[in-house]
Amino acid sequence: MPETISLEKIKEAINKLEHPEIAATFSKLGMVGDVNTKEDGIEVEIRVPFPNIPIKDYLAGMINTAVKELSPATPVAFNFTVMSEDARGRFLSKARENWKGEI
């Protein structure tokens, strides 16, 4: 990575982020997968409940901002994957319990 920042610090910052529509962190929702160092930065796996969710770019932007606050010169790449059926069920249950708006 361009700057010396521990991968653990980056993971901590990402895991503290709260979903914009659900009062729960990405971590509690099971949305953060692998976070790995690459030759030119880091790669973050974001697990989404369905393909083509409309806020995908917004979620990536939130994570990118969190990383840039720790390490401004570190490039961040994203790998979006679709949750397993079990993980999606847990996500949807937590979403219903913690939804910020009206359903």
PDB file of N, CA and C in Angstrom:
ATOM      1  N   MET A   1       0.851  -1.183   0.000  1.00  0.00           N
ATOM      2  CA  MET A   1       0.000   0.000   0.000  1.00  0.00           C
ATOM      3  C   MET A   1       0.886   1.232   0.000  1.00  0.00           C
ATOM      4  N   PRO A   2       0.417   2.318  -0.586  1.00  0.00           N
ATOM      5  CA  PRO A   2       1.227   3.525  -0.642  1.00  0.00           C
ATOM      6  C   PRO A   2       1.629   4.084   0.712  1.00  0.00           C
ATOM      7  N   GLU A   3       0.770   4.024   1.708  1.00  0.00           N
ATOM      8  CA  GLU A   3       1.098   4.534   3.038  1.00  0.00           C
ATOM      9  C   GLU A   3       1.095   3.375   4.020  1.00  0.00           C
ATOM     10  N   THR A   4       1.801   3.557   5.114  1.00  0.00           N
ATOM     11  CA  THR A   4       1.821   2.506   6.117  1.00  0.00           C
ATOM     12  C   THR A   4       0.648   2.704   7.067  1.00  0.00           C
ATOM     13  N   ILE A   5      -0.373   1.922   6.873  1.00  0.00           N
ATOM     14  CA  ILE A   5      -1.534   1.899   7.762  1.00  0.00           C
ATOM     15  C   ILE A   5      -1.911   0.427   7.895  1.00  0.00           C
ATOM     16  N   SER A   6      -2.167  -0.011   9.082  1.00  0.00           N
ATOM     17  CA  SER A   6      -2.434  -1.433   9.266  1.00  0.00           C
ATOM     18  C   SER A   6      -3.778  -1.818   8.654  1.00  0.00           C
ATOM     19  N   LEU A   7      -3.804  -3.001   8.114  1.00  0.00           N
ATOM     20  CA  LEU A   7      -5.034  -3.542   7.553  1.00  0.00           C
ATOM     21  C   LEU A   7      -6.093  -3.654   8.642  1.00  0.00           C
ATOM     22  N   GLU A   8      -5.653  -3.945   9.857  1.00  0.00           N
ATOM     23  CA  GLU A   8      -6.582  -4.054  10.984  1.00  0.00           C
ATOM     24  C   GLU A   8      -7.293  -2.720  11.253  1.00  0.00           C
ATOM     25  N   LYS A   9      -6.560  -1.609  11.186  1.00  0.00           N
ATOM     26  CA  LYS A   9      -7.170  -0.278  11.379  1.00  0.00           C
ATOM     27  C   LYS A   9      -8.199   0.005  10.290  1.00  0.00           C
ATOM     28  N   ILE A  10      -7.870  -0.383   9.072  1.00  0.00           N
ATOM     29  CA  ILE A  10      -8.801  -0.175   7.957  1.00  0.00           C
ATOM     30  C   ILE A  10     -10.060  -1.009   8.174  1.00  0.00           C
ATOM     31  N   LYS A  11      -9.904  -2.259   8.570  1.00  0.00           N
ATOM     32  CA  LYS A  11     -11.059  -3.117   8.836  1.00  0.00           C
ATOM     33  C   LYS A  11     -11.922  -2.540   9.960  1.00  0.00           C
ATOM     34  N   GLU A  12     -11.277  -2.041  11.005  1.00  0.00           N
ATOM     35  CA  GLU A  12     -12.022  -1.431  12.120  1.00  0.00           C
ATOM     36  C   GLU A  12     -12.862  -0.259  11.634  1.00  0.00           C
ATOM     37  N   ALA A  13     -12.269   0.597  10.803  1.00  0.00           N
ATOM     38  CA  ALA A  13     -12.987   1.769  10.285  1.00  0.00           C
ATOM     39  C   ALA A  13     -14.178   1.344   9.434  1.00  0.00           C
ATOM     40  N   ILE A  14     -13.980   0.349   8.583  1.00  0.00           N
ATOM     41  CA  ILE A  14     -15.066  -0.130   7.717  1.00  0.00           C
ATOM     42  C   ILE A  14     -16.174  -0.762   8.559  1.00  0.00           C
ATOM     43  N   ASN A  15     -15.800  -1.551   9.547  1.00  0.00           N
ATOM     44  CA  ASN A  15     -16.793  -2.250  10.359  1.00  0.00           C
ATOM     45  C   ASN A  15     -17.619  -1.322  11.240  1.00  0.00           C
ATOM     46  N   LYS A  16     -17.168  -0.094  11.443  1.00  0.00           N
ATOM     47  CA  LYS A  16     -17.922   0.880  12.243  1.00  0.00           C
ATOM     48  C   LYS A  16     -18.970   1.633  11.419  1.00  0.00           C
ATOM     49  N   LEU A  17     -18.887   1.532  10.102  1.00  0.00           N
ATOM     50  CA  LEU A  17     -19.824   2.268   9.253  1.00  0.00           C
ATOM     51  C   LEU A  17     -21.232   1.733   9.396  1.00  0.00           C
ATOM     52  N   GLU A  18     -22.197   2.656   9.469  1.00  0.00           N
ATOM     53  CA  GLU A  18     -23.591   2.263   9.579  1.00  0.00           C
ATOM     54  C   GLU A  18     -24.266   2.365   8.217  1.00  0.00           C
ATOM     55  N   HIS A  19     -25.065   1.381   7.927  1.00  0.00           N
ATOM     56  CA  HIS A  19     -25.839   1.354   6.680  1.00  0.00           C
ATOM     57  C   HIS A  19     -26.701   2.615   6.618  1.00  0.00           C
ATOM     58  N   PRO A  20     -26.829   3.249   5.449  1.00  0.00           N
ATOM     59  CA  PRO A  20     -27.585   4.501   5.371  1.00  0.00           C
ATOM     60  C   PRO A  20     -29.092   4.364   5.617  1.00  0.00           C
ATOM     61  N   GLU A  21     -29.646   3.163   5.458  1.00  0.00           N
ATOM     62  CA  GLU A  21     -31.090   2.981   5.623  1.00  0.00           C
ATOM     63  C   GLU A  21     -31.467   2.072   6.789  1.00  0.00           C
ATOM     64  N   ILE A  22     -30.454   1.444   7.381  1.00  0.00           N
ATOM     65  CA  ILE A  22     -30.685   0.481   8.458  1.00  0.00           C
ATOM     66  C   ILE A  22     -29.796   0.874   9.642  1.00  0.00           C
ATOM     67  N   ALA A  23     -30.370   0.925  10.815  1.00  0.00           N
ATOM     68  CA  ALA A  23     -29.616   1.322  12.004  1.00  0.00           C
ATOM     69  C   ALA A  23     -28.775   0.147  12.512  1.00  0.00           C
ATOM     70  N   ALA A  24     -27.816  -0.233  11.687  1.00  0.00           N
ATOM     71  CA  ALA A  24     -26.878  -1.309  12.033  1.00  0.00           C
ATOM     72  C   ALA A  24     -25.629  -1.126  11.171  1.00  0.00           C
ATOM     73  N   THR A  25     -24.510  -1.593  11.695  1.00  0.00           N
ATOM     74  CA  THR A  25     -23.259  -1.455  10.951  1.00  0.00           C
ATOM     75  C   THR A  25     -23.202  -2.473   9.810  1.00  0.00           C
ATOM     76  N   PHE A  26     -22.345  -2.174   8.832  1.00  0.00           N
ATOM     77  CA  PHE A  26     -22.113  -3.114   7.736  1.00  0.00           C
ATOM     78  C   PHE A  26     -21.706  -4.471   8.295  1.00  0.00           C
ATOM     79  N   SER A  27     -20.876  -4.442   9.332  1.00  0.00           N
ATOM     80  CA  SER A  27     -20.383  -5.675   9.938  1.00  0.00           C
ATOM     81  C   SER A  27     -21.534  -6.495  10.525  1.00  0.00           C
ATOM     82  N   LYS A  28     -22.398  -5.867  11.300  1.00  0.00           N
ATOM     83  CA  LYS A  28     -23.519  -6.584  11.919  1.00  0.00           C
ATOM     84  C   LYS A  28     -24.494  -7.116  10.883  1.00  0.00           C
ATOM     85  N   LEU A  29     -24.548  -6.462   9.728  1.00  0.00           N
ATOM     86  CA  LEU A  29     -25.433  -6.894   8.651  1.00  0.00           C
ATOM     87  C   LEU A  29     -24.789  -7.970   7.770  1.00  0.00           C
ATOM     88  N   GLY A  30     -23.541  -8.285   8.042  1.00  0.00           N
ATOM     89  CA  GLY A  30     -22.842  -9.298   7.250  1.00  0.00           C
ATOM     90  C   GLY A  30     -22.438  -8.825   5.869  1.00  0.00           C
ATOM     91  N   MET A  31     -22.242  -7.525   5.715  1.00  0.00           N
ATOM     92  CA  MET A  31     -21.957  -6.958   4.404  1.00  0.00           C
ATOM     93  C   MET A  31     -20.471  -6.849   4.076  1.00  0.00           C
ATOM     94  N   VAL A  32     -19.610  -6.994   5.069  1.00  0.00           N
ATOM     95  CA  VAL A  32     -18.170  -6.865   4.825  1.00  0.00           C
ATOM     96  C   VAL A  32     -17.563  -8.253   4.724  1.00  0.00           C
ATOM     97  N   GLY A  33     -16.950  -8.506   3.594  1.00  0.00           N
ATOM     98  CA  GLY A  33     -16.254  -9.776   3.404  1.00  0.00           C
ATOM     99  C   GLY A  33     -14.772  -9.572   3.621  1.00  0.00           C
ATOM    100  N   ASP A  34     -13.992 -10.117   2.723  1.00  0.00           N
ATOM    101  CA  ASP A  34     -12.540 -10.005   2.827  1.00  0.00           C
ATOM    102  C   ASP A  34     -12.062  -8.585   2.565  1.00  0.00           C
ATOM    103  N   VAL A  35     -11.080  -8.175   3.320  1.00  0.00           N
ATOM    104  CA  VAL A  35     -10.368  -6.912   3.091  1.00  0.00           C
ATOM    105  C   VAL A  35      -8.901  -7.305   2.960  1.00  0.00           C
ATOM    106  N   ASN A  36      -8.355  -7.081   1.768  1.00  0.00           N
ATOM    107  CA  ASN A  36      -6.990  -7.537   1.491  1.00  0.00           C
ATOM    108  C   ASN A  36      -6.129  -6.417   0.942  1.00  0.00           C
ATOM    109  N   THR A  37      -4.857  -6.514   1.264  1.00  0.00           N
ATOM    110  CA  THR A  37      -3.909  -5.592   0.655  1.00  0.00           C
ATOM    111  C   THR A  37      -3.572  -6.092  -0.743  1.00  0.00           C
ATOM    112  N   LYS A  38      -3.412  -5.173  -1.631  1.00  0.00           N
ATOM    113  CA  LYS A  38      -2.977  -5.446  -2.996  1.00  0.00           C
ATOM    114  C   LYS A  38      -1.705  -4.654  -3.218  1.00  0.00           C
ATOM    115  N   GLU A  39      -1.034  -4.934  -4.288  1.00  0.00           N
ATOM    116  CA  GLU A  39       0.220  -4.245  -4.581  1.00  0.00           C
ATOM    117  C   GLU A  39       0.048  -2.727  -4.612  1.00  0.00           C
ATOM    118  N   ASP A  40      -1.086  -2.273  -5.098  1.00  0.00           N
ATOM    119  CA  ASP A  40      -1.299  -0.834  -5.257  1.00  0.00           C
ATOM    120  C   ASP A  40      -2.422  -0.283  -4.371  1.00  0.00           C
ATOM    121  N   GLY A  41      -2.801  -0.991  -3.312  1.00  0.00           N
ATOM    122  CA  GLY A  41      -3.849  -0.479  -2.433  1.00  0.00           C
ATOM    123  C   GLY A  41      -4.533  -1.607  -1.692  1.00  0.00           C
ATOM    124  N   ILE A  42      -5.850  -1.474  -1.515  1.00  0.00           N
ATOM    125  CA  ILE A  42      -6.613  -2.530  -0.847  1.00  0.00           C
ATOM    126  C   ILE A  42      -7.819  -2.894  -1.699  1.00  0.00           C
ATOM    127  N   GLU A  43      -8.340  -4.075  -1.430  1.00  0.00           N
ATOM    128  CA  GLU A  43      -9.575  -4.528  -2.069  1.00  0.00           C
ATOM    129  C   GLU A  43     -10.543  -4.930  -0.972  1.00  0.00           C
ATOM    130  N   VAL A  44     -11.778  -4.456  -1.090  1.00  0.00           N
ATOM    131  CA  VAL A  44     -12.801  -4.726  -0.091  1.00  0.00           C
ATOM    132  C   VAL A  44     -13.933  -5.499  -0.756  1.00  0.00           C
ATOM    133  N   GLU A  45     -14.296  -6.621  -0.142  1.00  0.00           N
ATOM    134  CA  GLU A  45     -15.454  -7.381  -0.613  1.00  0.00           C
ATOM    135  C   GLU A  45     -16.685  -6.849   0.112  1.00  0.00           C
ATOM    136  N   ILE A  46     -17.656  -6.424  -0.658  1.00  0.00           N
ATOM    137  CA  ILE A  46     -18.928  -5.964  -0.100  1.00  0.00           C
ATOM    138  C   ILE A  46     -19.985  -6.982  -0.502  1.00  0.00           C
ATOM    139  N   ARG A  47     -20.616  -7.558   0.500  1.00  0.00           N
ATOM    140  CA  ARG A  47     -21.671  -8.549   0.258  1.00  0.00           C
ATOM    141  C   ARG A  47     -23.023  -7.835   0.256  1.00  0.00           C
ATOM    142  N   VAL A  48     -23.747  -7.992  -0.817  1.00  0.00           N
ATOM    143  CA  VAL A  48     -25.055  -7.345  -0.959  1.00  0.00           C
ATOM    144  C   VAL A  48     -26.141  -8.420  -1.021  1.00  0.00           C
ATOM    145  N   PRO A  49     -27.356  -8.081  -0.578  1.00  0.00           N
ATOM    146  CA  PRO A  49     -28.409  -9.091  -0.542  1.00  0.00           C
ATOM    147  C   PRO A  49     -28.924  -9.491  -1.926  1.00  0.00           C
ATOM    148  N   PHE A  50     -28.834  -8.573  -2.880  1.00  0.00           N
ATOM    149  CA  PHE A  50     -29.337  -8.827  -4.222  1.00  0.00           C
ATOM    150  C   PHE A  50     -28.398  -8.197  -5.242  1.00  0.00           C
ATOM    151  N   PRO A  51     -28.327  -8.764  -6.433  1.00  0.00           N
ATOM    152  CA  PRO A  51     -27.505  -8.115  -7.462  1.00  0.00           C
ATOM    153  C   PRO A  51     -28.127  -6.770  -7.848  1.00  0.00           C
ATOM    154  N   ASN A  52     -27.316  -5.868  -8.289  1.00  0.00           N
ATOM    155  CA  ASN A  52     -27.776  -4.564  -8.805  1.00  0.00           C
ATOM    156  C   ASN A  52     -28.573  -3.739  -7.804  1.00  0.00           C
ATOM    157  N   ILE A  53     -28.176  -3.745  -6.538  1.00  0.00           N
ATOM    158  CA  ILE A  53     -28.875  -2.887  -5.580  1.00  0.00           C
ATOM    159  C   ILE A  53     -28.592  -1.426  -5.940  1.00  0.00           C
ATOM    160  N   PRO A  54     -29.561  -0.558  -5.782  1.00  0.00           N
ATOM    161  CA  PRO A  54     -29.401   0.827  -6.248  1.00  0.00           C
ATOM    162  C   PRO A  54     -28.395   1.667  -5.459  1.00  0.00           C
ATOM    163  N   ILE A  55     -28.059   1.264  -4.242  1.00  0.00           N
ATOM    164  CA  ILE A  55     -27.129   2.082  -3.440  1.00  0.00           C
ATOM    165  C   ILE A  55     -25.710   1.515  -3.429  1.00  0.00           C
ATOM    166  N   LYS A  56     -25.408   0.637  -4.356  1.00  0.00           N
ATOM    167  CA  LYS A  56     -24.089  -0.008  -4.402  1.00  0.00           C
ATOM    168  C   LYS A  56     -22.961   1.025  -4.449  1.00  0.00           C
ATOM    169  N   ASP A  57     -23.066   2.005  -5.330  1.00  0.00           N
ATOM    170  CA  ASP A  57     -22.023   3.030  -5.443  1.00  0.00           C
ATOM    171  C   ASP A  57     -21.948   3.897  -4.188  1.00  0.00           C
ATOM    172  N   TYR A  58     -23.076   4.141  -3.566  1.00  0.00           N
ATOM    173  CA  TYR A  58     -23.107   4.923  -2.331  1.00  0.00           C
ATOM    174  C   TYR A  58     -22.363   4.181  -1.214  1.00  0.00           C
ATOM    175  N   LEU A  59     -22.605   2.875  -1.099  1.00  0.00           N
ATOM    176  CA  LEU A  59     -21.919   2.071  -0.085  1.00  0.00           C
ATOM    177  C   LEU A  59     -20.413   2.075  -0.324  1.00  0.00           C
ATOM    178  N   ALA A  60     -20.007   1.920  -1.583  1.00  0.00           N
ATOM    179  CA  ALA A  60     -18.579   1.955  -1.927  1.00  0.00           C
ATOM    180  C   ALA A  60     -17.988   3.314  -1.569  1.00  0.00           C
ATOM    181  N   GLY A  61     -18.726   4.377  -1.810  1.00  0.00           N
ATOM    182  CA  GLY A  61     -18.265   5.725  -1.478  1.00  0.00           C
ATOM    183  C   GLY A  61     -18.057   5.908   0.016  1.00  0.00           C
ATOM    184  N   MET A  62     -18.955   5.348   0.811  1.00  0.00           N
ATOM    185  CA  MET A  62     -18.816   5.434   2.264  1.00  0.00           C
ATOM    186  C   MET A  62     -17.533   4.736   2.729  1.00  0.00           C
ATOM    187  N   ILE A  63     -17.287   3.558   2.189  1.00  0.00           N
ATOM    188  CA  ILE A  63     -16.090   2.803   2.563  1.00  0.00           C
ATOM    189  C   ILE A  63     -14.842   3.523   2.072  1.00  0.00           C
ATOM    190  N   ASN A  64     -14.885   4.011   0.850  1.00  0.00           N
ATOM    191  CA  ASN A  64     -13.745   4.740   0.302  1.00  0.00           C
ATOM    192  C   ASN A  64     -13.403   5.943   1.180  1.00  0.00           C
ATOM    193  N   THR A  65     -14.402   6.683   1.628  1.00  0.00           N
ATOM    194  CA  THR A  65     -14.187   7.843   2.491  1.00  0.00           C
ATOM    195  C   THR A  65     -13.557   7.428   3.818  1.00  0.00           C
ATOM    196  N   ALA A  66     -14.031   6.333   4.401  1.00  0.00           N
ATOM    197  CA  ALA A  66     -13.478   5.860   5.672  1.00  0.00           C
ATOM    198  C   ALA A  66     -12.005   5.487   5.521  1.00  0.00           C
ATOM    199  N   VAL A  67     -11.658   4.838   4.418  1.00  0.00           N
ATOM    200  CA  VAL A  67     -10.259   4.460   4.183  1.00  0.00           C
ATOM    201  C   VAL A  67      -9.410   5.700   3.949  1.00  0.00           C
ATOM    202  N   LYS A  68      -9.923   6.646   3.160  1.00  0.00           N
ATOM    203  CA  LYS A  68      -9.162   7.856   2.830  1.00  0.00           C
ATOM    204  C   LYS A  68      -8.896   8.713   4.068  1.00  0.00           C
ATOM    205  N   GLU A  69      -9.782   8.656   5.056  1.00  0.00           N
ATOM    206  CA  GLU A  69      -9.534   9.395   6.299  1.00  0.00           C
ATOM    207  C   GLU A  69      -8.316   8.849   7.037  1.00  0.00           C
ATOM    208  N   LEU A  70      -8.057   7.568   6.896  1.00  0.00           N
ATOM    209  CA  LEU A  70      -6.897   6.939   7.536  1.00  0.00           C
ATOM    210  C   LEU A  70      -5.651   7.005   6.666  1.00  0.00           C
ATOM    211  N   SER A  71      -5.853   6.865   5.374  1.00  0.00           N
ATOM    212  CA  SER A  71      -4.733   6.750   4.446  1.00  0.00           C
ATOM    213  C   SER A  71      -5.130   7.371   3.105  1.00  0.00           C
ATOM    214  N   PRO A  72      -5.003   8.699   2.975  1.00  0.00           N
ATOM    215  CA  PRO A  72      -5.508   9.411   1.803  1.00  0.00           C
ATOM    216  C   PRO A  72      -4.999   8.918   0.448  1.00  0.00           C
ATOM    217  N   ALA A  73      -3.801   8.387   0.394  1.00  0.00           N
ATOM    218  CA  ALA A  73      -3.234   7.986  -0.896  1.00  0.00           C
ATOM    219  C   ALA A  73      -3.494   6.517  -1.246  1.00  0.00           C
ATOM    220  N   THR A  74      -4.205   5.797  -0.402  1.00  0.00           N
ATOM    221  CA  THR A  74      -4.436   4.377  -0.651  1.00  0.00           C
ATOM    222  C   THR A  74      -5.609   4.167  -1.603  1.00  0.00           C
ATOM    223  N   PRO A  75      -5.358   3.591  -2.769  1.00  0.00           N
ATOM    224  CA  PRO A  75      -6.460   3.266  -3.680  1.00  0.00           C
ATOM    225  C   PRO A  75      -7.303   2.124  -3.107  1.00  0.00           C
ATOM    226  N   VAL A  76      -8.607   2.210  -3.330  1.00  0.00           N
ATOM    227  CA  VAL A  76      -9.522   1.187  -2.840  1.00  0.00           C
ATOM    228  C   VAL A  76     -10.283   0.599  -4.023  1.00  0.00           C
ATOM    229  N   ALA A  77     -10.214  -0.709  -4.152  1.00  0.00           N
ATOM    230  CA  ALA A  77     -10.985  -1.422  -5.176  1.00  0.00           C
ATOM    231  C   ALA A  77     -12.082  -2.205  -4.462  1.00  0.00           C
ATOM    232  N   PHE A  78     -13.178  -2.451  -5.175  1.00  0.00           N
ATOM    233  CA  PHE A  78     -14.316  -3.139  -4.569  1.00  0.00           C
ATOM    234  C   PHE A  78     -14.671  -4.389  -5.354  1.00  0.00           C
ATOM    235  N   ASN A  79     -15.058  -5.402  -4.604  1.00  0.00           N
ATOM    236  CA  ASN A  79     -15.528  -6.649  -5.179  1.00  0.00           C
ATOM    237  C   ASN A  79     -16.909  -6.888  -4.570  1.00  0.00           C
ATOM    238  N   PHE A  80     -17.946  -6.678  -5.360  1.00  0.00           N
ATOM    239  CA  PHE A  80     -19.306  -6.891  -4.872  1.00  0.00           C
ATOM    240  C   PHE A  80     -19.702  -8.340  -5.107  1.00  0.00           C
ATOM    241  N   THR A  81     -20.180  -8.986  -4.053  1.00  0.00           N
ATOM    242  CA  THR A  81     -20.671 -10.352  -4.164  1.00  0.00           C
ATOM    243  C   THR A  81     -22.086 -10.406  -3.604  1.00  0.00           C
ATOM    244  N   VAL A  82     -22.854 -11.385  -4.060  1.00  0.00           N
ATOM    245  CA  VAL A  82     -24.224 -11.553  -3.580  1.00  0.00           C
ATOM    246  C   VAL A  82     -24.200 -12.526  -2.405  1.00  0.00           C
ATOM    247  N   MET A  83     -24.897 -12.152  -1.363  1.00  0.00           N
ATOM    248  CA  MET A  83     -24.965 -12.980  -0.157  1.00  0.00           C
ATOM    249  C   MET A  83     -25.575 -14.342  -0.461  1.00  0.00           C
ATOM    250  N   SER A  84     -25.197 -15.318   0.347  1.00  0.00           N
ATOM    251  CA  SER A  84     -25.842 -16.631   0.270  1.00  0.00           C
ATOM    252  C   SER A  84     -27.292 -16.468   0.737  1.00  0.00           C
ATOM    253  N   GLU A  85     -28.096 -17.472   0.486  1.00  0.00           N
ATOM    254  CA  GLU A  85     -29.496 -17.411   0.908  1.00  0.00           C
ATOM    255  C   GLU A  85     -29.624 -17.258   2.423  1.00  0.00           C
ATOM    256  N   ASP A  86     -28.795 -17.984   3.175  1.00  0.00           N
ATOM    257  CA  ASP A  86     -28.820 -17.872   4.645  1.00  0.00           C
ATOM    258  C   ASP A  86     -28.402 -16.482   5.105  1.00  0.00           C
ATOM    259  N   ALA A  87     -27.330 -15.965   4.529  1.00  0.00           N
ATOM    260  CA  ALA A  87     -26.845 -14.632   4.896  1.00  0.00           C
ATOM    261  C   ALA A  87     -27.882 -13.575   4.534  1.00  0.00           C
ATOM    262  N   ARG A  88     -28.522 -13.721   3.376  1.00  0.00           N
ATOM    263  CA  ARG A  88     -29.564 -12.773   2.961  1.00  0.00           C
ATOM    264  C   ARG A  88     -30.725 -12.799   3.947  1.00  0.00           C
ATOM    265  N   GLY A  89     -31.108 -13.988   4.418  1.00  0.00           N
ATOM    266  CA  GLY A  89     -32.189 -14.102   5.403  1.00  0.00           C
ATOM    267  C   GLY A  89     -31.843 -13.373   6.690  1.00  0.00           C
ATOM    268  N   ARG A  90     -30.597 -13.533   7.165  1.00  0.00           N
ATOM    269  CA  ARG A  90     -30.161 -12.824   8.387  1.00  0.00           C
ATOM    270  C   ARG A  90     -30.142 -11.318   8.150  1.00  0.00           C
ATOM    271  N   PHE A  91     -29.652 -10.901   6.974  1.00  0.00           N
ATOM    272  CA  PHE A  91     -29.611  -9.476   6.627  1.00  0.00           C
ATOM    273  C   PHE A  91     -31.027  -8.897   6.641  1.00  0.00           C
ATOM    274  N   LEU A  92     -31.955  -9.562   5.972  1.00  0.00           N
ATOM    275  CA  LEU A  92     -33.325  -9.041   5.880  1.00  0.00           C
ATOM    276  C   LEU A  92     -34.004  -8.993   7.243  1.00  0.00           C
ATOM    277  N   SER A  93     -33.731  -9.960   8.099  1.00  0.00           N
ATOM    278  CA  SER A  93     -34.285  -9.952   9.452  1.00  0.00           C
ATOM    279  C   SER A  93     -33.766  -8.740  10.232  1.00  0.00           C
ATOM    280  N   LYS A  94     -32.470  -8.499  10.159  1.00  0.00           N
ATOM    281  CA  LYS A  94     -31.885  -7.344  10.849  1.00  0.00           C
ATOM    282  C   LYS A  94     -32.366  -6.038  10.227  1.00  0.00           C
ATOM    283  N   ALA A  95     -32.561  -6.036   8.921  1.00  0.00           N
ATOM    284  CA  ALA A  95     -33.052  -4.831   8.247  1.00  0.00           C
ATOM    285  C   ALA A  95     -34.458  -4.482   8.743  1.00  0.00           C
ATOM    286  N   ARG A  96     -35.319  -5.489   8.846  1.00  0.00           N
ATOM    287  CA  ARG A  96     -36.684  -5.239   9.339  1.00  0.00           C
ATOM    288  C   ARG A  96     -36.665  -4.709  10.773  1.00  0.00           C
ATOM    289  N   GLU A  97     -35.800  -5.274  11.607  1.00  0.00           N
ATOM    290  CA  GLU A  97     -35.723  -4.859  13.012  1.00  0.00           C
ATOM    291  C   GLU A  97     -35.175  -3.445  13.175  1.00  0.00           C
ATOM    292  N   ASN A  98     -34.305  -3.029  12.264  1.00  0.00           N
ATOM    293  CA  ASN A  98     -33.564  -1.779  12.456  1.00  0.00           C
ATOM    294  C   ASN A  98     -33.785  -0.741  11.352  1.00  0.00           C
ATOM    295  N   TRP A  99     -34.841  -0.891  10.576  1.00  0.00           N
ATOM    296  CA  TRP A  99     -35.098   0.025   9.470  1.00  0.00           C
ATOM    297  C   TRP A  99     -35.296   1.435   9.988  1.00  0.00           C
ATOM    298  N   LYS A 100     -34.656   2.405   9.346  1.00  0.00           N
ATOM    299  CA  LYS A 100     -34.710   3.805   9.802  1.00  0.00           C
ATOM    300  C   LYS A 100     -35.981   4.521   9.339  1.00  0.00           C
ATOM    301  N   GLY A 101     -36.530   4.120   8.222  1.00  0.00           N
ATOM    302  CA  GLY A 101     -37.689   4.816   7.669  1.00  0.00           C
ATOM    303  C   GLY A 101     -38.960   3.996   7.850  1.00  0.00           C
ATOM    304  N   GLU A 102     -39.947   4.369   7.071  1.00  0.00           N
ATOM    305  CA  GLU A 102     -41.199   3.642   7.094  1.00  0.00           C
ATOM    306  C   GLU A 102     -41.118   2.464   6.136  1.00  0.00           C
ATOM    307  N   ILE A 103     -41.784   1.385   6.500  1.00  0.00           N
ATOM    308  CA  ILE A 103     -41.815   0.216   5.618  1.00  0.00           C
ATOM    309  C   ILE A 103     -43.149   0.154   4.923  1.00  0.00           C
TER     310      ILE A 103
END
